[in-house]
Amino acid sequence: MKIRKLRASFVSQMKTGRDTGIVPNGYANLAAGVNAEARRIVEAKYADQWQAAGVIGRWKLQRVMDAEINELATKLMPDVSSKAVF
């Protein structure tokens, strides 16, 4: 029985679906973590208003919060290339 050795790049591609990378979806995981942190900060800021608001007020407040979350996440995101190896 002959045993074949696989190239490291081929094995990496099998595990991650990409030619390079240590952690699958590393950049996406980084972005999700930053967005989650921004969401926690903004939700804590608007918690009292959220509790006092009705259905329409919550709908409007959600739009304001989403815009602020996107802005804060952009500021918090480190300057990392999306092609960086994680």
C-alpha atoms as a PDB file:
ATOM      1  CA  MET A   1       0.000   0.000   0.000  1.00  0.00           C
ATOM      2  CA  LYS A   2       1.443   3.327  -1.064  1.00  0.00           C
ATOM      3  CA  ILE A   3       0.967   6.328   1.254  1.00  0.00           C
ATOM      4  CA  ARG A   4       0.773   9.744  -0.357  1.00  0.00           C
ATOM      5  CA  LYS A   5       1.890  12.869   1.415  1.00  0.00           C
ATOM      6  CA  LEU A   6      -0.346  15.861   0.908  1.00  0.00           C
ATOM      7  CA  ARG A   7       1.070  19.303   0.312  1.00  0.00           C
ATOM      8  CA  ALA A   8       0.593  21.681   3.247  1.00  0.00           C
ATOM      9  CA  SER A   9      -1.262  24.193   1.078  1.00  0.00           C
ATOM     10  CA  PHE A  10      -3.690  21.479  -0.045  1.00  0.00           C
ATOM     11  CA  VAL A  11      -4.365  20.402   3.545  1.00  0.00           C
ATOM     12  CA  SER A  12      -4.891  24.036   4.565  1.00  0.00           C
ATOM     13  CA  GLN A  13      -7.320  24.483   1.701  1.00  0.00           C
ATOM     14  CA  MET A  14      -9.237  21.365   2.779  1.00  0.00           C
ATOM     15  CA  LYS A  15      -9.637  22.629   6.348  1.00  0.00           C
ATOM     16  CA  THR A  16     -10.398  26.277   5.654  1.00  0.00           C
ATOM     17  CA  GLY A  17     -11.655  26.274   2.093  1.00  0.00           C
ATOM     18  CA  ARG A  18      -8.981  28.847   1.235  1.00  0.00           C
ATOM     19  CA  ASP A  19      -5.377  28.676   0.104  1.00  0.00           C
ATOM     20  CA  THR A  20      -4.069  30.368   3.248  1.00  0.00           C
ATOM     21  CA  GLY A  21      -5.313  30.939   6.747  1.00  0.00           C
ATOM     22  CA  ILE A  22      -5.043  29.478  10.183  1.00  0.00           C
ATOM     23  CA  VAL A  23      -8.514  30.268  11.482  1.00  0.00           C
ATOM     24  CA  PRO A  24     -11.432  29.867   9.103  1.00  0.00           C
ATOM     25  CA  ASN A  25     -13.290  33.162   8.686  1.00  0.00           C
ATOM     26  CA  GLY A  26     -10.796  34.989  10.898  1.00  0.00           C
ATOM     27  CA  TYR A  27     -11.597  38.443   9.529  1.00  0.00           C
ATOM     28  CA  ALA A  28     -15.345  37.809   9.724  1.00  0.00           C
ATOM     29  CA  ASN A  29     -14.936  36.671  13.333  1.00  0.00           C
ATOM     30  CA  LEU A  30     -12.968  39.843  14.109  1.00  0.00           C
ATOM     31  CA  ALA A  31     -15.652  42.037  12.534  1.00  0.00           C
ATOM     32  CA  ALA A  32     -18.418  40.166  14.380  1.00  0.00           C
ATOM     33  CA  GLY A  33     -16.609  40.648  17.687  1.00  0.00           C
ATOM     34  CA  VAL A  34     -16.198  44.377  17.091  1.00  0.00           C
ATOM     35  CA  ASN A  35     -19.869  44.697  16.096  1.00  0.00           C
ATOM     36  CA  ALA A  36     -20.949  42.800  19.217  1.00  0.00           C
ATOM     37  CA  GLU A  37     -18.855  45.090  21.429  1.00  0.00           C
ATOM     38  CA  ALA A  38     -20.299  48.192  19.741  1.00  0.00           C
ATOM     39  CA  ARG A  39     -23.831  46.798  20.145  1.00  0.00           C
ATOM     40  CA  ARG A  40     -23.286  46.221  23.887  1.00  0.00           C
ATOM     41  CA  ILE A  41     -22.051  49.789  24.352  1.00  0.00           C
ATOM     42  CA  VAL A  42     -24.916  51.386  22.409  1.00  0.00           C
ATOM     43  CA  GLU A  43     -27.618  49.175  23.947  1.00  0.00           C
ATOM     44  CA  ALA A  44     -26.382  50.088  27.426  1.00  0.00           C
ATOM     45  CA  LYS A  45     -26.522  53.769  26.461  1.00  0.00           C
ATOM     46  CA  TYR A  46     -30.144  53.566  25.274  1.00  0.00           C
ATOM     47  CA  ALA A  47     -31.452  50.968  27.772  1.00  0.00           C
ATOM     48  CA  ASP A  48     -33.630  53.397  29.759  1.00  0.00           C
ATOM     49  CA  GLN A  49     -35.154  54.938  26.638  1.00  0.00           C
ATOM     50  CA  TRP A  50     -35.816  51.453  25.236  1.00  0.00           C
ATOM     51  CA  GLN A  51     -37.690  50.397  28.381  1.00  0.00           C
ATOM     52  CA  ALA A  52     -39.846  53.545  28.349  1.00  0.00           C
ATOM     53  CA  ALA A  53     -40.633  53.464  24.617  1.00  0.00           C
ATOM     54  CA  GLY A  54     -43.685  51.949  23.014  1.00  0.00           C
ATOM     55  CA  VAL A  55     -43.771  49.962  19.785  1.00  0.00           C
ATOM     56  CA  ILE A  56     -43.337  52.947  17.456  1.00  0.00           C
ATOM     57  CA  GLY A  57     -40.758  54.525  19.764  1.00  0.00           C
ATOM     58  CA  ARG A  58     -38.746  51.299  19.808  1.00  0.00           C
ATOM     59  CA  TRP A  59     -38.936  51.068  16.034  1.00  0.00           C
ATOM     60  CA  LYS A  60     -37.515  54.602  15.691  1.00  0.00           C
ATOM     61  CA  LEU A  61     -34.975  54.049  18.466  1.00  0.00           C
ATOM     62  CA  GLN A  62     -33.773  50.835  16.803  1.00  0.00           C
ATOM     63  CA  ARG A  63     -32.922  52.808  13.638  1.00  0.00           C
ATOM     64  CA  VAL A  64     -30.981  55.378  15.676  1.00  0.00           C
ATOM     65  CA  MET A  65     -29.173  52.617  17.569  1.00  0.00           C
ATOM     66  CA  ASP A  66     -28.295  50.717  14.373  1.00  0.00           C
ATOM     67  CA  ALA A  67     -26.754  53.837  12.838  1.00  0.00           C
ATOM     68  CA  GLU A  68     -24.751  54.515  16.000  1.00  0.00           C
ATOM     69  CA  ILE A  69     -23.631  50.867  16.217  1.00  0.00           C
ATOM     70  CA  ASN A  70     -22.341  50.988  12.629  1.00  0.00           C
ATOM     71  CA  GLU A  71     -20.492  54.246  13.288  1.00  0.00           C
ATOM     72  CA  LEU A  72     -18.944  52.985  16.532  1.00  0.00           C
ATOM     73  CA  ALA A  73     -17.979  49.630  15.000  1.00  0.00           C
ATOM     74  CA  THR A  74     -16.201  51.479  12.191  1.00  0.00           C
ATOM     75  CA  LYS A  75     -14.217  53.474  14.752  1.00  0.00           C
ATOM     76  CA  LEU A  76     -13.404  50.415  16.899  1.00  0.00           C
ATOM     77  CA  MET A  77     -12.370  48.164  14.001  1.00  0.00           C
ATOM     78  CA  PRO A  78      -8.585  47.802  13.929  1.00  0.00           C
ATOM     79  CA  ASP A  79      -6.768  48.635  10.714  1.00  0.00           C
ATOM     80  CA  VAL A  80      -6.376  45.055   9.478  1.00  0.00           C
ATOM     81  CA  SER A  81      -6.429  43.789   5.921  1.00  0.00           C
ATOM     82  CA  SER A  82      -9.264  41.418   5.084  1.00  0.00           C
ATOM     83  CA  LYS A  83      -6.607  39.133   3.560  1.00  0.00           C
ATOM     84  CA  ALA A  84      -4.586  38.933   6.787  1.00  0.00           C
ATOM     85  CA  VAL A  85      -3.875  35.518   8.272  1.00  0.00           C
ATOM     86  CA  PHE A  86      -5.501  34.945  11.660  1.00  0.00           C
END
